[in-house]
Amino acid sequence: MSNLNEVTLIGRLGDKPQTIKGDDKPAFVVCKIATNEYWKHEGETHNHVEWHSIEVSKPYADFVAKHCDAGDTVFIKGRLRTRNWESKNGVKHSDTIIKADNFQLLHRKNDAEKLPKTE
């Protein structure tokens, strides 16, 4: 049986993406996106926001850094990557990110604000 490590998300950027310059590797961009889950229970609507850490490398990194901003709706397709490390005081940490293999800007937040209001 083959293995599969694939994640597909559509969500909104939480902040402006940040470029990280590496000493021994090319620069990449990190960002967080939020996905929302809605459901009804006993007539009441509930909402859960899940935050995802994304790492974007070439060829998308330059585009993301220049053209994406907080509130924009984006499509991400990538794979999970978990990192483990130990802090100086001996505490063990773990973080799971999504390494983006495909990144698309679907809708700019600023474009929506420019649309005429309907009543």
Protein backbone atom coordinates (compact mmCIF):
# COMPACT_ATOMS: atom_id res chain seq x y z
CA MET A 1 0.00 0.00 0.00
CA SER A 2 1.27 3.49 -0.86
CA ASN A 3 1.57 6.34 1.61
CA LEU A 4 -0.13 9.70 1.26
CA ASN A 5 0.66 12.93 3.09
CA GLU A 6 -1.56 15.58 1.53
CA VAL A 7 -3.46 18.56 2.95
CA THR A 8 -5.85 20.84 1.06
CA LEU A 9 -7.18 24.00 2.71
CA ILE A 10 -9.10 27.12 1.79
CA GLY A 11 -8.99 29.82 4.42
CA ARG A 12 -8.09 33.40 5.29
CA LEU A 13 -4.63 34.73 6.08
CA GLY A 14 -4.38 35.86 9.69
CA ASP A 15 -1.48 38.30 9.15
CA LYS A 16 0.77 39.59 6.41
CA PRO A 17 3.08 36.70 5.40
CA GLN A 18 6.63 36.97 6.76
CA THR A 19 9.76 36.25 4.73
CA ILE A 20 12.38 34.15 6.52
CA LYS A 21 15.92 34.37 5.18
CA GLY A 22 17.99 31.26 5.80
CA ASP A 23 21.77 31.19 6.05
CA ASP A 24 22.18 27.91 4.24
CA LYS A 25 18.89 27.67 2.29
CA PRO A 26 16.76 29.94 0.09
CA ALA A 27 14.30 32.35 1.67
CA PHE A 28 10.79 31.11 2.34
CA VAL A 29 7.54 32.65 3.58
CA VAL A 30 5.58 31.70 6.68
CA CYS A 31 1.97 32.58 7.36
CA LYS A 32 -1.04 31.42 9.31
CA ILE A 33 -4.44 30.76 7.81
CA ALA A 34 -7.74 30.28 9.58
CA THR A 35 -10.40 27.80 8.54
CA ASN A 36 -13.90 27.95 10.00
CA GLU A 37 -16.26 25.12 10.81
CA TYR A 38 -19.96 25.86 11.40
CA TRP A 39 -22.66 23.58 12.78
CA LYS A 40 -26.06 23.79 14.40
CA HIS A 41 -26.91 22.17 17.68
CA GLU A 42 -30.35 22.50 19.29
CA GLY A 43 -31.16 25.43 16.99
CA GLU A 44 -28.02 27.38 17.85
CA THR A 45 -25.21 28.01 15.35
CA HIS A 46 -21.68 27.24 16.55
CA ASN A 47 -18.33 28.15 15.04
CA HIS A 48 -14.83 26.74 15.49
CA VAL A 49 -11.75 28.46 14.04
CA GLU A 50 -8.68 26.31 13.38
CA TRP A 51 -5.30 28.02 12.78
CA HIS A 52 -2.76 26.42 10.45
CA SER A 53 0.93 27.30 10.12
CA ILE A 54 2.05 27.37 6.48
CA GLU A 55 5.56 27.41 5.00
CA VAL A 56 5.77 28.52 1.36
CA SER A 57 8.95 28.00 -0.70
CA LYS A 58 9.83 28.72 -4.32
CA PRO A 59 8.20 29.22 -6.77
CA TYR A 60 5.31 30.72 -4.72
CA ALA A 61 7.24 32.47 -1.93
CA ASP A 62 7.95 35.71 -3.83
CA PHE A 63 4.35 36.03 -5.01
CA VAL A 64 2.95 35.44 -1.52
CA ALA A 65 5.32 37.97 0.07
CA LYS A 66 4.49 40.68 -2.49
CA HIS A 67 0.79 40.21 -3.15
CA CYS A 68 -0.91 38.60 -0.14
CA ASP A 69 -2.15 40.28 3.03
CA ALA A 70 -4.21 39.60 6.15
CA GLY A 71 -7.81 38.68 5.37
CA ASP A 72 -7.13 37.39 1.84
CA THR A 73 -8.72 34.04 0.97
CA VAL A 74 -6.15 31.49 -0.19
CA PHE A 75 -5.97 27.91 -1.42
CA ILE A 76 -3.18 25.73 -0.04
CA LYS A 77 -2.22 22.24 -1.11
CA GLY A 78 0.74 20.68 0.64
CA ARG A 79 2.01 18.13 3.14
CA LEU A 80 2.34 17.92 6.90
CA ARG A 81 5.78 18.31 8.46
CA THR A 82 6.35 17.91 12.21
CA ARG A 83 9.40 19.35 13.95
CA ASN A 84 10.61 18.44 17.42
CA TRP A 85 13.11 20.41 19.49
CA GLU A 86 14.23 20.88 23.04
CA SER A 87 14.54 24.34 24.61
CA LYS A 88 17.58 25.43 26.61
CA ASN A 89 15.78 24.57 29.87
CA GLY A 90 15.11 21.00 28.68
CA VAL A 91 11.44 21.37 27.73
CA LYS A 92 10.49 19.33 24.66
CA HIS A 93 8.41 21.05 21.97
CA SER A 94 6.62 19.94 18.82
CA ASP A 95 5.10 21.90 15.95
CA THR A 96 3.27 20.71 12.86
CA ILE A 97 3.27 22.92 9.78
CA ILE A 98 1.99 22.57 6.24
CA LYS A 99 4.69 22.81 3.57
CA ALA A 100 2.82 24.31 0.63
CA ASP A 101 3.33 22.67 -2.76
CA ASN A 102 0.63 24.83 -4.34
CA PHE A 103 -0.55 28.27 -3.23
CA GLN A 104 -3.27 30.33 -4.91
CA LEU A 105 -4.73 33.71 -3.99
CA LEU A 106 -8.49 33.28 -4.42
CA HIS A 107 -9.91 36.56 -3.15
CA ARG A 108 -8.35 39.74 -1.84
CA LYS A 109 -9.93 41.24 1.27
CA ASN A 110 -9.38 44.77 -0.08
CA ASP A 111 -11.27 43.94 -3.29
CA ALA A 112 -14.38 43.01 -1.28
CA GLU A 113 -14.23 46.32 0.60
CA LYS A 114 -14.31 48.22 -2.73
CA LEU A 115 -17.54 46.57 -3.95
CA PRO A 116 -20.70 48.72 -3.84
CA LYS A 117 -22.95 48.01 -0.88
CA THR A 118 -26.30 46.36 -1.66
CA GLU A 119 -29.37 46.92 0.47
